[in-house]
Amino acid sequence: MGFQLNNSAAVATQSSNVRQFADGKTKASGFLNIYIPVNDGRGGVAKRKLGTIALRADRPIEKALMDRLASDPDAGIAALLNNLELNYQPWNEETASNDLAF
């Protein structure tokens, strides 16, 4: 069985760099991958991918970030890491609610 393309394949426009599916939804134009160091089991260190953040060129802040990273990837990543803020939000069944606030 071979690889089959989805009928809503993305189409890139040269002028905007915004990739869209046939149904008009935008497709990611770049990705930020998040890795953490892990033991490789042989006394060394490897990396494990935690996740990916999709960046879309039709969202101004994400486009600015992609442009900054494309202009100088090493300096852009260093600057991003210097200014990145992470937080952790655990799931709490007791305070979780699907009730509407109106």
PDB file of N, CA and C in Angstrom:
ATOM      1  N   MET A   1       0.838  -1.170   0.000  1.00  0.00           N
ATOM      2  CA  MET A   1       0.000   0.000   0.000  1.00  0.00           C
ATOM      3  C   MET A   1       0.886   1.237   0.000  1.00  0.00           C
ATOM      4  N   GLY A   2       0.640   2.161  -0.893  1.00  0.00           N
ATOM      5  CA  GLY A   2       1.452   3.360  -1.002  1.00  0.00           C
ATOM      6  C   GLY A   2       0.882   4.513  -0.212  1.00  0.00           C
ATOM      7  N   PHE A   3       1.638   5.568  -0.163  1.00  0.00           N
ATOM      8  CA  PHE A   3       1.226   6.783   0.530  1.00  0.00           C
ATOM      9  C   PHE A   3       0.176   7.501  -0.297  1.00  0.00           C
ATOM     10  N   GLN A   4      -0.917   7.911   0.320  1.00  0.00           N
ATOM     11  CA  GLN A   4      -1.976   8.613  -0.398  1.00  0.00           C
ATOM     12  C   GLN A   4      -2.136  10.004   0.173  1.00  0.00           C
ATOM     13  N   LEU A   5      -2.229  10.993  -0.705  1.00  0.00           N
ATOM     14  CA  LEU A   5      -2.435  12.366  -0.272  1.00  0.00           C
ATOM     15  C   LEU A   5      -3.884  12.593   0.102  1.00  0.00           C
ATOM     16  N   ASN A   6      -4.100  13.434   1.076  1.00  0.00           N
ATOM     17  CA  ASN A   6      -5.430  13.838   1.474  1.00  0.00           C
ATOM     18  C   ASN A   6      -6.017  14.721   0.378  1.00  0.00           C
ATOM     19  N   ASN A   7      -7.317  14.644   0.162  1.00  0.00           N
ATOM     20  CA  ASN A   7      -7.962  15.464  -0.863  1.00  0.00           C
ATOM     21  C   ASN A   7      -7.868  16.950  -0.559  1.00  0.00           C
ATOM     22  N   SER A   8      -7.651  17.312   0.696  1.00  0.00           N
ATOM     23  CA  SER A   8      -7.542  18.725   1.070  1.00  0.00           C
ATOM     24  C   SER A   8      -6.078  19.124   1.167  1.00  0.00           C
ATOM     25  N   ALA A   9      -5.266  18.710   0.213  1.00  0.00           N
ATOM     26  CA  ALA A   9      -3.829  19.004   0.232  1.00  0.00           C
ATOM     27  C   ALA A   9      -3.588  20.507   0.296  1.00  0.00           C
ATOM     28  N   ALA A  10      -2.500  20.886   0.951  1.00  0.00           N
ATOM     29  CA  ALA A  10      -2.182  22.300   1.143  1.00  0.00           C
ATOM     30  C   ALA A  10      -1.652  22.921  -0.134  1.00  0.00           C
ATOM     31  N   VAL A  11      -1.992  24.174  -0.316  1.00  0.00           N
ATOM     32  CA  VAL A  11      -1.512  24.943  -1.458  1.00  0.00           C
ATOM     33  C   VAL A  11      -0.801  26.173  -0.914  1.00  0.00           C
ATOM     34  N   ALA A  12       0.453  26.378  -1.270  1.00  0.00           N
ATOM     35  CA  ALA A  12       1.208  27.540  -0.788  1.00  0.00           C
ATOM     36  C   ALA A  12       1.114  28.660  -1.816  1.00  0.00           C
ATOM     37  N   THR A  13       0.917  29.873  -1.334  1.00  0.00           N
ATOM     38  CA  THR A  13       0.958  31.021  -2.221  1.00  0.00           C
ATOM     39  C   THR A  13       2.318  31.672  -2.068  1.00  0.00           C
ATOM     40  N   GLN A  14       2.968  31.974  -3.169  1.00  0.00           N
ATOM     41  CA  GLN A  14       4.332  32.496  -3.142  1.00  0.00           C
ATOM     42  C   GLN A  14       4.429  33.828  -2.404  1.00  0.00           C
ATOM     43  N   SER A  15       3.457  34.716  -2.620  1.00  0.00           N
ATOM     44  CA  SER A  15       3.576  36.063  -2.063  1.00  0.00           C
ATOM     45  C   SER A  15       3.398  36.103  -0.552  1.00  0.00           C
ATOM     46  N   SER A  16       2.523  35.268  -0.001  1.00  0.00           N
ATOM     47  CA  SER A  16       2.212  35.377   1.423  1.00  0.00           C
ATOM     48  C   SER A  16       2.867  34.309   2.284  1.00  0.00           C
ATOM     49  N   ASN A  17       3.300  33.208   1.690  1.00  0.00           N
ATOM     50  CA  ASN A  17       3.856  32.078   2.419  1.00  0.00           C
ATOM     51  C   ASN A  17       2.838  31.454   3.364  1.00  0.00           C
ATOM     52  N   VAL A  18       1.547  31.765   3.158  1.00  0.00           N
ATOM     53  CA  VAL A  18       0.480  31.160   3.947  1.00  0.00           C
ATOM     54  C   VAL A  18       0.012  29.930   3.191  1.00  0.00           C
ATOM     55  N   ARG A  19       0.110  28.782   3.844  1.00  0.00           N
ATOM     56  CA  ARG A  19      -0.309  27.534   3.218  1.00  0.00           C
ATOM     57  C   ARG A  19      -1.719  27.220   3.666  1.00  0.00           C
ATOM     58  N   GLN A  20      -2.574  26.874   2.715  1.00  0.00           N
ATOM     59  CA  GLN A  20      -3.959  26.603   3.050  1.00  0.00           C
ATOM     60  C   GLN A  20      -4.399  25.263   2.484  1.00  0.00           C
ATOM     61  N   PHE A  21      -5.331  24.653   3.204  1.00  0.00           N
ATOM     62  CA  PHE A  21      -5.996  23.474   2.699  1.00  0.00           C
ATOM     63  C   PHE A  21      -7.057  23.939   1.707  1.00  0.00           C
ATOM     64  N   ALA A  22      -7.566  23.038   0.916  1.00  0.00           N
ATOM     65  CA  ALA A  22      -8.595  23.373  -0.060  1.00  0.00           C
ATOM     66  C   ALA A  22      -9.840  23.948   0.603  1.00  0.00           C
ATOM     67  N   ASP A  23     -10.093  23.586   1.876  1.00  0.00           N
ATOM     68  CA  ASP A  23     -11.272  24.108   2.574  1.00  0.00           C
ATOM     69  C   ASP A  23     -11.029  25.482   3.195  1.00  0.00           C
ATOM     70  N   GLY A  24      -9.863  26.077   2.957  1.00  0.00           N
ATOM     71  CA  GLY A  24      -9.570  27.426   3.431  1.00  0.00           C
ATOM     72  C   GLY A  24      -8.866  27.497   4.773  1.00  0.00           C
ATOM     73  N   LYS A  25      -8.766  26.402   5.499  1.00  0.00           N
ATOM     74  CA  LYS A  25      -8.053  26.408   6.779  1.00  0.00           C
ATOM     75  C   LYS A  25      -6.560  26.516   6.512  1.00  0.00           C
ATOM     76  N   THR A  26      -5.871  27.238   7.387  1.00  0.00           N
ATOM     77  CA  THR A  26      -4.434  27.413   7.190  1.00  0.00           C
ATOM     78  C   THR A  26      -3.659  26.221   7.742  1.00  0.00           C
ATOM     79  N   LYS A  27      -2.536  25.977   7.113  1.00  0.00           N
ATOM     80  CA  LYS A  27      -1.648  24.909   7.522  1.00  0.00           C
ATOM     81  C   LYS A  27      -0.390  25.544   8.103  1.00  0.00           C
ATOM     82  N   ALA A  28       0.231  24.880   9.040  1.00  0.00           N
ATOM     83  CA  ALA A  28       1.444  25.412   9.666  1.00  0.00           C
ATOM     84  C   ALA A  28       2.528  25.651   8.618  1.00  0.00           C
ATOM     85  N   SER A  29       3.246  26.761   8.792  1.00  0.00           N
ATOM     86  CA  SER A  29       4.352  27.110   7.896  1.00  0.00           C
ATOM     87  C   SER A  29       5.699  26.843   8.541  1.00  0.00           C
ATOM     88  N   GLY A  30       5.709  26.544   9.827  1.00  0.00           N
ATOM     89  CA  GLY A  30       6.928  26.242  10.560  1.00  0.00           C
ATOM     90  C   GLY A  30       6.576  25.574  11.880  1.00  0.00           C
ATOM     91  N   PHE A  31       7.580  25.036  12.532  1.00  0.00           N
ATOM     92  CA  PHE A  31       7.344  24.309  13.781  1.00  0.00           C
ATOM     93  C   PHE A  31       8.461  24.592  14.774  1.00  0.00           C
ATOM     94  N   LEU A  32       8.097  24.733  16.035  1.00  0.00           N
ATOM     95  CA  LEU A  32       9.056  24.752  17.134  1.00  0.00           C
ATOM     96  C   LEU A  32       8.951  23.395  17.807  1.00  0.00           C
ATOM     97  N   ASN A  33      10.046  22.656  17.834  1.00  0.00           N
ATOM     98  CA  ASN A  33      10.074  21.344  18.474  1.00  0.00           C
ATOM     99  C   ASN A  33      10.685  21.490  19.855  1.00  0.00           C
ATOM    100  N   ILE A  34      10.116  20.803  20.827  1.00  0.00           N
ATOM    101  CA  ILE A  34      10.565  20.885  22.214  1.00  0.00           C
ATOM    102  C   ILE A  34      11.159  19.541  22.611  1.00  0.00           C
ATOM    103  N   TYR A  35      12.407  19.568  23.067  1.00  0.00           N
ATOM    104  CA  TYR A  35      13.136  18.360  23.462  1.00  0.00           C
ATOM    105  C   TYR A  35      13.628  18.490  24.900  1.00  0.00           C
ATOM    106  N   ILE A  36      13.764  17.351  25.572  1.00  0.00           N
ATOM    107  CA  ILE A  36      14.392  17.313  26.891  1.00  0.00           C
ATOM    108  C   ILE A  36      15.509  16.275  26.855  1.00  0.00           C
ATOM    109  N   PRO A  37      16.557  16.495  27.660  1.00  0.00           N
ATOM    110  CA  PRO A  37      17.631  15.498  27.701  1.00  0.00           C
ATOM    111  C   PRO A  37      17.188  14.290  28.516  1.00  0.00           C
ATOM    112  N   VAL A  38      17.586  13.111  28.050  1.00  0.00           N
ATOM    113  CA  VAL A  38      17.300  11.856  28.751  1.00  0.00           C
ATOM    114  C   VAL A  38      18.544  10.986  28.737  1.00  0.00           C
ATOM    115  N   ASN A  39      18.630  10.068  29.675  1.00  0.00           N
ATOM    116  CA  ASN A  39      19.725   9.096  29.668  1.00  0.00           C
ATOM    117  C   ASN A  39      19.506   8.133  28.515  1.00  0.00           C
ATOM    118  N   ASP A  40      20.584   7.808  27.815  1.00  0.00           N
ATOM    119  CA  ASP A  40      20.451   6.903  26.664  1.00  0.00           C
ATOM    120  C   ASP A  40      20.584   5.437  27.039  1.00  0.00           C
ATOM    121  N   GLY A  41      20.794   5.134  28.326  1.00  0.00           N
ATOM    122  CA  GLY A  41      20.904   3.755  28.777  1.00  0.00           C
ATOM    123  C   GLY A  41      22.315   3.187  28.652  1.00  0.00           C
ATOM    124  N   ARG A  42      23.240   3.960  28.103  1.00  0.00           N
ATOM    125  CA  ARG A  42      24.635   3.509  27.950  1.00  0.00           C
ATOM    126  C   ARG A  42      25.588   4.495  28.631  1.00  0.00           C
ATOM    127  N   GLY A  43      25.053   5.265  29.547  1.00  0.00           N
ATOM    128  CA  GLY A  43      25.886   6.225  30.268  1.00  0.00           C
ATOM    129  C   GLY A  43      25.993   7.575  29.581  1.00  0.00           C
ATOM    130  N   GLY A  44      25.313   7.741  28.470  1.00  0.00           N
ATOM    131  CA  GLY A  44      25.339   9.003  27.744  1.00  0.00           C
ATOM    132  C   GLY A  44      24.008   9.726  27.838  1.00  0.00           C
ATOM    133  N   VAL A  45      23.914  10.766  27.089  1.00  0.00           N
ATOM    134  CA  VAL A  45      22.696  11.581  27.088  1.00  0.00           C
ATOM    135  C   VAL A  45      22.130  11.622  25.673  1.00  0.00           C
ATOM    136  N   ALA A  46      20.836  11.477  25.587  1.00  0.00           N
ATOM    137  CA  ALA A  46      20.119  11.604  24.326  1.00  0.00           C
ATOM    138  C   ALA A  46      19.042  12.671  24.515  1.00  0.00           C
ATOM    139  N   LYS A  47      18.225  12.890  23.520  1.00  0.00           N
ATOM    140  CA  LYS A  47      17.129  13.836  23.690  1.00  0.00           C
ATOM    141  C   LYS A  47      15.823  13.169  23.301  1.00  0.00           C
ATOM    142  N   ARG A  48      14.772  13.583  23.968  1.00  0.00           N
ATOM    143  CA  ARG A  48      13.446  13.049  23.702  1.00  0.00           C
ATOM    144  C   ARG A  48      12.511  14.202  23.385  1.00  0.00           C
ATOM    145  N   LYS A  49      11.758  14.052  22.330  1.00  0.00           N
ATOM    146  CA  LYS A  49      10.827  15.097  21.905  1.00  0.00           C
ATOM    147  C   LYS A  49       9.592  15.094  22.798  1.00  0.00           C
ATOM    148  N   LEU A  50       9.310  16.261  23.389  1.00  0.00           N
ATOM    149  CA  LEU A  50       8.116  16.419  24.215  1.00  0.00           C
ATOM    150  C   LEU A  50       6.916  16.826  23.385  1.00  0.00           C
ATOM    151  N   GLY A  51       7.169  17.642  22.380  1.00  0.00           N
ATOM    152  CA  GLY A  51       6.047  18.122  21.581  1.00  0.00           C
ATOM    153  C   GLY A  51       6.484  19.092  20.504  1.00  0.00           C
ATOM    154  N   THR A  52       5.502  19.590  19.805  1.00  0.00           N
ATOM    155  CA  THR A  52       5.715  20.516  18.701  1.00  0.00           C
ATOM    156  C   THR A  52       4.699  21.638  18.800  1.00  0.00           C
ATOM    157  N   ILE A  53       5.135  22.842  18.506  1.00  0.00           N
ATOM    158  CA  ILE A  53       4.243  23.994  18.417  1.00  0.00           C
ATOM    159  C   ILE A  53       4.195  24.394  16.947  1.00  0.00           C
ATOM    160  N   ALA A  54       3.018  24.323  16.360  1.00  0.00           N
ATOM    161  CA  ALA A  54       2.843  24.703  14.963  1.00  0.00           C
ATOM    162  C   ALA A  54       2.750  26.232  14.864  1.00  0.00           C
ATOM    163  N   LEU A  55       3.450  26.803  13.901  1.00  0.00           N
ATOM    164  CA  LEU A  55       3.428  28.248  13.662  1.00  0.00           C
ATOM    165  C   LEU A  55       2.770  28.512  12.318  1.00  0.00           C
ATOM    166  N   ARG A  56       1.850  29.466  12.288  1.00  0.00           N
ATOM    167  CA  ARG A  56       1.122  29.770  11.063  1.00  0.00           C
ATOM    168  C   ARG A  56       1.444  31.191  10.592  1.00  0.00           C
ATOM    169  N   ALA A  57       1.720  31.303   9.317  1.00  0.00           N
ATOM    170  CA  ALA A  57       2.126  32.589   8.749  1.00  0.00           C
ATOM    171  C   ALA A  57       0.988  33.603   8.692  1.00  0.00           C
ATOM    172  N   ASP A  58      -0.258  33.170   8.855  1.00  0.00           N
ATOM    173  CA  ASP A  58      -1.375  34.116   8.834  1.00  0.00           C
ATOM    174  C   ASP A  58      -1.656  34.709  10.212  1.00  0.00           C
ATOM    175  N   ARG A  59      -0.897  34.309  11.212  1.00  0.00           N
ATOM    176  CA  ARG A  59      -1.008  34.894  12.559  1.00  0.00           C
ATOM    177  C   ARG A  59       0.212  35.791  12.763  1.00  0.00           C
ATOM    178  N   PRO A  60      -0.003  37.105  12.915  1.00  0.00           N
ATOM    179  CA  PRO A  60       1.115  38.062  12.916  1.00  0.00           C
ATOM    180  C   PRO A  60       2.240  37.749  13.894  1.00  0.00           C
ATOM    181  N   ILE A  61       1.929  37.363  15.130  1.00  0.00           N
ATOM    182  CA  ILE A  61       2.998  37.106  16.101  1.00  0.00           C
ATOM    183  C   ILE A  61       3.792  35.871  15.706  1.00  0.00           C
ATOM    184  N   GLU A  62       3.111  34.862  15.187  1.00  0.00           N
ATOM    185  CA  GLU A  62       3.801  33.646  14.766  1.00  0.00           C
ATOM    186  C   GLU A  62       4.637  33.911  13.510  1.00  0.00           C
ATOM    187  N   LYS A  63       4.131  34.747  12.613  1.00  0.00           N
ATOM    188  CA  LYS A  63       4.892  35.127  11.412  1.00  0.00           C
ATOM    189  C   LYS A  63       6.147  35.894  11.818  1.00  0.00           C
ATOM    190  N   ALA A  64       6.028  36.813  12.766  1.00  0.00           N
ATOM    191  CA  ALA A  64       7.186  37.569  13.246  1.00  0.00           C
ATOM    192  C   ALA A  64       8.224  36.637  13.861  1.00  0.00           C
ATOM    193  N   LEU A  65       7.764  35.652  14.616  1.00  0.00           N
ATOM    194  CA  LEU A  65       8.685  34.686  15.225  1.00  0.00           C
ATOM    195  C   LEU A  65       9.393  33.868  14.144  1.00  0.00           C
ATOM    196  N   MET A  66       8.653  33.397  13.141  1.00  0.00           N
ATOM    197  CA  MET A  66       9.270  32.634  12.049  1.00  0.00           C
ATOM    198  C   MET A  66      10.283  33.485  11.291  1.00  0.00           C
ATOM    199  N   ASP A  67       9.942  34.754  11.030  1.00  0.00           N
ATOM    200  CA  ASP A  67      10.867  35.653  10.327  1.00  0.00           C
ATOM    201  C   ASP A  67      12.141  35.856  11.138  1.00  0.00           C
ATOM    202  N   ARG A  68      11.995  36.032  12.456  1.00  0.00           N
ATOM    203  CA  ARG A  68      13.156  36.233  13.338  1.00  0.00           C
ATOM    204  C   ARG A  68      14.049  34.991  13.336  1.00  0.00           C
ATOM    205  N   LEU A  69      13.439  33.826  13.423  1.00  0.00           N
ATOM    206  CA  LEU A  69      14.202  32.582  13.441  1.00  0.00           C
ATOM    207  C   LEU A  69      14.848  32.309  12.087  1.00  0.00           C
ATOM    208  N   ALA A  70      14.175  32.658  11.004  1.00  0.00           N
ATOM    209  CA  ALA A  70      14.723  32.431   9.664  1.00  0.00           C
ATOM    210  C   ALA A  70      15.900  33.351   9.369  1.00  0.00           C
ATOM    211  N   SER A  71      15.884  34.568   9.921  1.00  0.00           N
ATOM    212  CA  SER A  71      16.950  35.532   9.631  1.00  0.00           C
ATOM    213  C   SER A  71      18.284  35.121  10.238  1.00  0.00           C
ATOM    214  N   ASP A  72      18.266  34.514  11.407  1.00  0.00           N
ATOM    215  CA  ASP A  72      19.485  34.020  12.059  1.00  0.00           C
ATOM    216  C   ASP A  72      19.051  32.949  13.056  1.00  0.00           C
ATOM    217  N   PRO A  73      18.936  31.695  12.608  1.00  0.00           N
ATOM    218  CA  PRO A  73      18.374  30.646  13.465  1.00  0.00           C
ATOM    219  C   PRO A  73      19.058  30.489  14.819  1.00  0.00           C
ATOM    220  N   ASP A  74      20.387  30.499  14.861  1.00  0.00           N
ATOM    221  CA  ASP A  74      21.078  30.301  16.139  1.00  0.00           C
ATOM    222  C   ASP A  74      20.817  31.442  17.111  1.00  0.00           C
ATOM    223  N   ALA A  75      20.939  32.676  16.639  1.00  0.00           N
ATOM    224  CA  ALA A  75      20.692  33.835  17.499  1.00  0.00           C
ATOM    225  C   ALA A  75      19.209  33.928  17.867  1.00  0.00           C
ATOM    226  N   GLY A  76      18.336  33.571  16.936  1.00  0.00           N
ATOM    227  CA  GLY A  76      16.897  33.612  17.200  1.00  0.00           C
ATOM    228  C   GLY A  76      16.490  32.625  18.272  1.00  0.00           C
ATOM    229  N   ILE A  77      17.014  31.402  18.201  1.00  0.00           N
ATOM    230  CA  ILE A  77      16.708  30.392  19.218  1.00  0.00           C
ATOM    231  C   ILE A  77      17.267  30.823  20.566  1.00  0.00           C
ATOM    232  N   ALA A  78      18.501  31.366  20.572  1.00  0.00           N
ATOM    233  CA  ALA A  78      19.102  31.829  21.830  1.00  0.00           C
ATOM    234  C   ALA A  78      18.255  32.938  22.454  1.00  0.00           C
ATOM    235  N   ALA A  79      17.803  33.885  21.643  1.00  0.00           N
ATOM    236  CA  ALA A  79      16.971  34.976  22.147  1.00  0.00           C
ATOM    237  C   ALA A  79      15.626  34.452  22.649  1.00  0.00           C
ATOM    238  N   LEU A  80      15.046  33.506  21.912  1.00  0.00           N
ATOM    239  CA  LEU A  80      13.776  32.918  22.337  1.00  0.00           C
ATOM    240  C   LEU A  80      13.934  32.200  23.675  1.00  0.00           C
ATOM    241  N   LEU A  81      14.980  31.401  23.813  1.00  0.00           N
ATOM    242  CA  LEU A  81      15.215  30.691  25.072  1.00  0.00           C
ATOM    243  C   LEU A  81      15.441  31.655  26.231  1.00  0.00           C
ATOM    244  N   ASN A  82      16.087  32.772  25.956  1.00  0.00           N
ATOM    245  CA  ASN A  82      16.349  33.785  26.970  1.00  0.00           C
ATOM    246  C   ASN A  82      15.069  34.450  27.457  1.00  0.00           C
ATOM    247  N   ASN A  83      14.043  34.459  26.614  1.00  0.00           N
ATOM    248  CA  ASN A  83      12.807  35.174  26.931  1.00  0.00           C
ATOM    249  C   ASN A  83      11.602  34.262  27.079  1.00  0.00           C
ATOM    250  N   LEU A  84      11.816  32.978  27.049  1.00  0.00           N
ATOM    251  CA  LEU A  84      10.733  32.011  27.122  1.00  0.00           C
ATOM    252  C   LEU A  84      10.280  31.834  28.562  1.00  0.00           C
ATOM    253  N   GLU A  85       8.997  31.725  28.762  1.00  0.00           N
ATOM    254  CA  GLU A  85       8.438  31.466  30.088  1.00  0.00           C
ATOM    255  C   GLU A  85       7.607  30.198  30.003  1.00  0.00           C
ATOM    256  N   LEU A  86       7.879  29.267  30.872  1.00  0.00           N
ATOM    257  CA  LEU A  86       7.121  28.025  30.933  1.00  0.00           C
ATOM    258  C   LEU A  86       6.355  27.967  32.235  1.00  0.00           C
ATOM    259  N   ASN A  87       5.183  27.349  32.182  1.00  0.00           N
ATOM    260  CA  ASN A  87       4.491  27.061  33.425  1.00  0.00           C
ATOM    261  C   ASN A  87       3.799  25.717  33.283  1.00  0.00           C
ATOM    262  N   TYR A  88       3.450  25.143  34.390  1.00  0.00           N
ATOM    263  CA  TYR A  88       2.826  23.833  34.424  1.00  0.00           C
ATOM    264  C   TYR A  88       1.476  23.954  35.092  1.00  0.00           C
ATOM    265  N   GLN A  89       0.463  23.417  34.469  1.00  0.00           N
ATOM    266  CA  GLN A  89      -0.882  23.433  35.023  1.00  0.00           C
ATOM    267  C   GLN A  89      -1.370  21.994  35.157  1.00  0.00           C
ATOM    268  N   PRO A  90      -1.339  21.440  36.348  1.00  0.00           N
ATOM    269  CA  PRO A  90      -1.815  20.061  36.504  1.00  0.00           C
ATOM    270  C   PRO A  90      -3.342  19.992  36.385  1.00  0.00           C
ATOM    271  N   TRP A  91      -3.826  18.869  35.921  1.00  0.00           N
ATOM    272  CA  TRP A  91      -5.262  18.629  35.869  1.00  0.00           C
ATOM    273  C   TRP A  91      -5.745  18.374  37.279  1.00  0.00           C
ATOM    274  N   ASN A  92      -6.799  19.034  37.660  1.00  0.00           N
ATOM    275  CA  ASN A  92      -7.360  18.855  38.986  1.00  0.00           C
ATOM    276  C   ASN A  92      -8.835  18.520  38.821  1.00  0.00           C
ATOM    277  N   GLU A  93      -9.168  17.266  39.030  1.00  0.00           N
ATOM    278  CA  GLU A  93     -10.540  16.787  38.841  1.00  0.00           C
ATOM    279  C   GLU A  93     -11.528  17.539  39.729  1.00  0.00           C
ATOM    280  N   GLU A  94     -11.091  17.921  40.941  1.00  0.00           N
ATOM    281  CA  GLU A  94     -11.997  18.564  41.882  1.00  0.00           C
ATOM    282  C   GLU A  94     -12.381  19.978  41.450  1.00  0.00           C
ATOM    283  N   THR A  95     -11.487  20.678  40.780  1.00  0.00           N
ATOM    284  CA  THR A  95     -11.808  22.041  40.376  1.00  0.00           C
ATOM    285  C   THR A  95     -12.193  22.143  38.893  1.00  0.00           C
ATOM    286  N   ALA A  96     -12.117  21.040  38.176  1.00  0.00           N
ATOM    287  CA  ALA A  96     -12.483  21.052  36.764  1.00  0.00           C
ATOM    288  C   ALA A  96     -13.990  21.205  36.640  1.00  0.00           C
ATOM    289  N   SER A  97     -14.392  21.978  35.665  1.00  0.00           N
ATOM    290  CA  SER A  97     -15.828  22.177  35.497  1.00  0.00           C
ATOM    291  C   SER A  97     -16.131  22.416  34.030  1.00  0.00           C
ATOM    292  N   ASN A  98     -17.208  21.836  33.592  1.00  0.00           N
ATOM    293  CA  ASN A  98     -17.715  22.115  32.251  1.00  0.00           C
ATOM    294  C   ASN A  98     -18.952  22.988  32.329  1.00  0.00           C
ATOM    295  N   ASP A  99     -19.232  23.514  33.524  1.00  0.00           N
ATOM    296  CA  ASP A  99     -20.394  24.376  33.689  1.00  0.00           C
ATOM    297  C   ASP A  99     -20.128  25.723  33.052  1.00  0.00           C
ATOM    298  N   LEU A 100     -21.133  26.255  32.406  1.00  0.00           N
ATOM    299  CA  LEU A 100     -21.005  27.573  31.804  1.00  0.00           C
ATOM    300  C   LEU A 100     -21.058  28.644  32.877  1.00  0.00           C
ATOM    301  N   ALA A 101     -20.356  29.731  32.644  1.00  0.00           N
ATOM    302  CA  ALA A 101     -20.308  30.813  33.619  1.00  0.00           C
ATOM    303  C   ALA A 101     -21.353  31.881  33.319  1.00  0.00           C
ATOM    304  N   PHE A 102     -22.287  31.572  32.462  1.00  0.00           N
ATOM    305  CA  PHE A 102     -23.349  32.545  32.157  1.00  0.00           C
ATOM    306  C   PHE A 102     -24.693  31.866  32.101  1.00  0.00           C
TER     307      PHE A 102
END
